[in-house]
Amino acid sequence: MPALAIATVGYFGFHALNGEFGLVGRARIEHRVESLKLELETLRAERRELEMRVVLLRPESLDPDMIDERARQALNLVHPQEVAILRPSN
């Protein structure tokens, strides 16, 4: 009987430390939560930037600089007196 009790306590003790939701598993989960929070904040910032660009493209708030930028990009043109800086595409 004592051996069975020790085995049972040992089994549950082992899984309390090393199981998926044990102390070690909890540290892994908390680390994953932190990394996902950072990723979420990055995605939210990217979304805010895209929303601002969409607002600039609406007909009631067209920005002349934005129109000029898009036209030059689509037509692949620059003025003769401008300096073009070429960046590698993603």
C-alpha atoms as a PDB file:
ATOM      1  CA  MET A   1       0.000   0.000   0.000  1.00  0.00           C
ATOM      2  CA  PRO A   2       2.752   2.550   0.790  1.00  0.00           C
ATOM      3  CA  ALA A   3       4.473   1.707  -2.506  1.00  0.00           C
ATOM      4  CA  LEU A   4       1.233   2.357  -4.403  1.00  0.00           C
ATOM      5  CA  ALA A   5       0.783   5.686  -2.611  1.00  0.00           C
ATOM      6  CA  ILE A   6       4.390   6.705  -3.350  1.00  0.00           C
ATOM      7  CA  ALA A   7       3.985   5.715  -7.013  1.00  0.00           C
ATOM      8  CA  THR A   8       0.745   7.727  -7.289  1.00  0.00           C
ATOM      9  CA  VAL A   9       2.276  10.800  -5.637  1.00  0.00           C
ATOM     10  CA  GLY A  10       5.372  10.427  -7.827  1.00  0.00           C
ATOM     11  CA  TYR A  11       3.261  10.165 -10.976  1.00  0.00           C
ATOM     12  CA  PHE A  12       1.208  13.262 -10.211  1.00  0.00           C
ATOM     13  CA  GLY A  13       4.264  15.133  -8.946  1.00  0.00           C
ATOM     14  CA  PHE A  14       6.161  14.419 -12.167  1.00  0.00           C
ATOM     15  CA  HIS A  15       3.288  15.648 -14.321  1.00  0.00           C
ATOM     16  CA  ALA A  16       2.759  18.700 -12.112  1.00  0.00           C
ATOM     17  CA  LEU A  17       6.309  19.758 -12.968  1.00  0.00           C
ATOM     18  CA  ASN A  18       6.829  18.477 -16.511  1.00  0.00           C
ATOM     19  CA  GLY A  19       3.353  18.122 -17.991  1.00  0.00           C
ATOM     20  CA  GLU A  20       1.930  20.327 -20.698  1.00  0.00           C
ATOM     21  CA  PHE A  21       0.298  22.564 -18.087  1.00  0.00           C
ATOM     22  CA  GLY A  22       2.892  21.986 -15.354  1.00  0.00           C
ATOM     23  CA  LEU A  23       5.459  24.478 -14.132  1.00  0.00           C
ATOM     24  CA  VAL A  24       7.800  23.967 -17.083  1.00  0.00           C
ATOM     25  CA  GLY A  25       4.916  23.982 -19.557  1.00  0.00           C
ATOM     26  CA  ARG A  26       3.557  27.161 -18.031  1.00  0.00           C
ATOM     27  CA  ALA A  27       6.857  28.941 -18.673  1.00  0.00           C
ATOM     28  CA  ARG A  28       6.673  27.845 -22.330  1.00  0.00           C
ATOM     29  CA  ILE A  29       3.095  29.059 -22.598  1.00  0.00           C
ATOM     30  CA  GLU A  30       3.948  32.442 -21.039  1.00  0.00           C
ATOM     31  CA  HIS A  31       6.893  32.848 -23.412  1.00  0.00           C
ATOM     32  CA  ARG A  32       4.627  32.066 -26.369  1.00  0.00           C
ATOM     33  CA  VAL A  33       2.029  34.568 -25.108  1.00  0.00           C
ATOM     34  CA  GLU A  34       4.674  37.314 -24.943  1.00  0.00           C
ATOM     35  CA  SER A  35       5.903  36.592 -28.462  1.00  0.00           C
ATOM     36  CA  LEU A  36       2.328  36.601 -29.768  1.00  0.00           C
ATOM     37  CA  LYS A  37       1.642  39.933 -28.036  1.00  0.00           C
ATOM     38  CA  LEU A  38       4.654  41.453 -29.795  1.00  0.00           C
ATOM     39  CA  GLU A  39       3.476  40.058 -33.120  1.00  0.00           C
ATOM     40  CA  LEU A  40      -0.031  41.407 -32.488  1.00  0.00           C
ATOM     41  CA  GLU A  41       1.304  44.898 -31.782  1.00  0.00           C
ATOM     42  CA  THR A  42       3.373  44.797 -34.968  1.00  0.00           C
ATOM     43  CA  LEU A  43       0.340  43.733 -36.990  1.00  0.00           C
ATOM     44  CA  ARG A  44      -1.819  46.433 -35.397  1.00  0.00           C
ATOM     45  CA  ALA A  45       0.741  49.091 -36.311  1.00  0.00           C
ATOM     46  CA  GLU A  46       0.863  47.778 -39.877  1.00  0.00           C
ATOM     47  CA  ARG A  47      -2.923  47.841 -40.052  1.00  0.00           C
ATOM     48  CA  ARG A  48      -3.068  51.444 -38.777  1.00  0.00           C
ATOM     49  CA  GLU A  49      -0.561  52.452 -41.456  1.00  0.00           C
ATOM     50  CA  LEU A  50      -2.584  50.728 -44.179  1.00  0.00           C
ATOM     51  CA  GLU A  51      -5.814  52.324 -42.935  1.00  0.00           C
ATOM     52  CA  MET A  52      -4.188  55.753 -43.117  1.00  0.00           C
ATOM     53  CA  ARG A  53      -3.098  55.070 -46.699  1.00  0.00           C
ATOM     54  CA  VAL A  54      -6.638  53.952 -47.609  1.00  0.00           C
ATOM     55  CA  VAL A  55      -8.065  57.163 -46.131  1.00  0.00           C
ATOM     56  CA  LEU A  56      -5.712  59.152 -48.360  1.00  0.00           C
ATOM     57  CA  LEU A  57      -7.019  57.332 -51.446  1.00  0.00           C
ATOM     58  CA  ARG A  58     -10.696  58.096 -50.833  1.00  0.00           C
ATOM     59  CA  PRO A  59     -12.212  60.518 -53.371  1.00  0.00           C
ATOM     60  CA  GLU A  60     -13.166  63.135 -50.760  1.00  0.00           C
ATOM     61  CA  SER A  61      -9.642  63.332 -49.374  1.00  0.00           C
ATOM     62  CA  LEU A  62      -7.309  62.724 -52.286  1.00  0.00           C
ATOM     63  CA  ASP A  63      -3.800  63.855 -51.524  1.00  0.00           C
ATOM     64  CA  PRO A  64      -2.019  65.305 -54.592  1.00  0.00           C
ATOM     65  CA  ASP A  65       1.310  63.905 -53.424  1.00  0.00           C
ATOM     66  CA  MET A  66      -0.200  60.438 -53.111  1.00  0.00           C
ATOM     67  CA  ILE A  67      -1.686  60.675 -56.611  1.00  0.00           C
ATOM     68  CA  ASP A  68       1.663  61.828 -57.989  1.00  0.00           C
ATOM     69  CA  GLU A  69       3.493  59.004 -56.201  1.00  0.00           C
ATOM     70  CA  ARG A  70       1.104  56.339 -57.497  1.00  0.00           C
ATOM     71  CA  ALA A  71       1.150  57.703 -61.050  1.00  0.00           C
ATOM     72  CA  ARG A  72       4.949  57.748 -61.147  1.00  0.00           C
ATOM     73  CA  GLN A  73       5.118  54.245 -59.719  1.00  0.00           C
ATOM     74  CA  ALA A  74       2.554  52.882 -62.185  1.00  0.00           C
ATOM     75  CA  LEU A  75       4.083  54.629 -65.224  1.00  0.00           C
ATOM     76  CA  ASN A  76       7.706  54.195 -64.091  1.00  0.00           C
ATOM     77  CA  LEU A  77       8.506  57.868 -64.823  1.00  0.00           C
ATOM     78  CA  VAL A  78      10.521  60.642 -63.148  1.00  0.00           C
ATOM     79  CA  HIS A  79      11.176  64.273 -64.024  1.00  0.00           C
ATOM     80  CA  PRO A  80      14.513  64.940 -65.750  1.00  0.00           C
ATOM     81  CA  GLN A  81      15.822  67.050 -62.833  1.00  0.00           C
ATOM     82  CA  GLU A  82      14.914  64.526 -60.098  1.00  0.00           C
ATOM     83  CA  VAL A  83      17.212  61.998 -58.523  1.00  0.00           C
ATOM     84  CA  ALA A  84      15.830  58.458 -58.473  1.00  0.00           C
ATOM     85  CA  ILE A  85      16.906  56.169 -55.645  1.00  0.00           C
ATOM     86  CA  LEU A  86      16.463  52.540 -56.595  1.00  0.00           C
ATOM     87  CA  ARG A  87      15.653  50.106 -53.817  1.00  0.00           C
ATOM     88  CA  PRO A  88      15.571  46.331 -54.167  1.00  0.00           C
ATOM     89  CA  SER A  89      12.034  44.975 -54.253  1.00  0.00           C
ATOM     90  CA  ASN A  90      10.836  42.614 -51.531  1.00  0.00           C
END
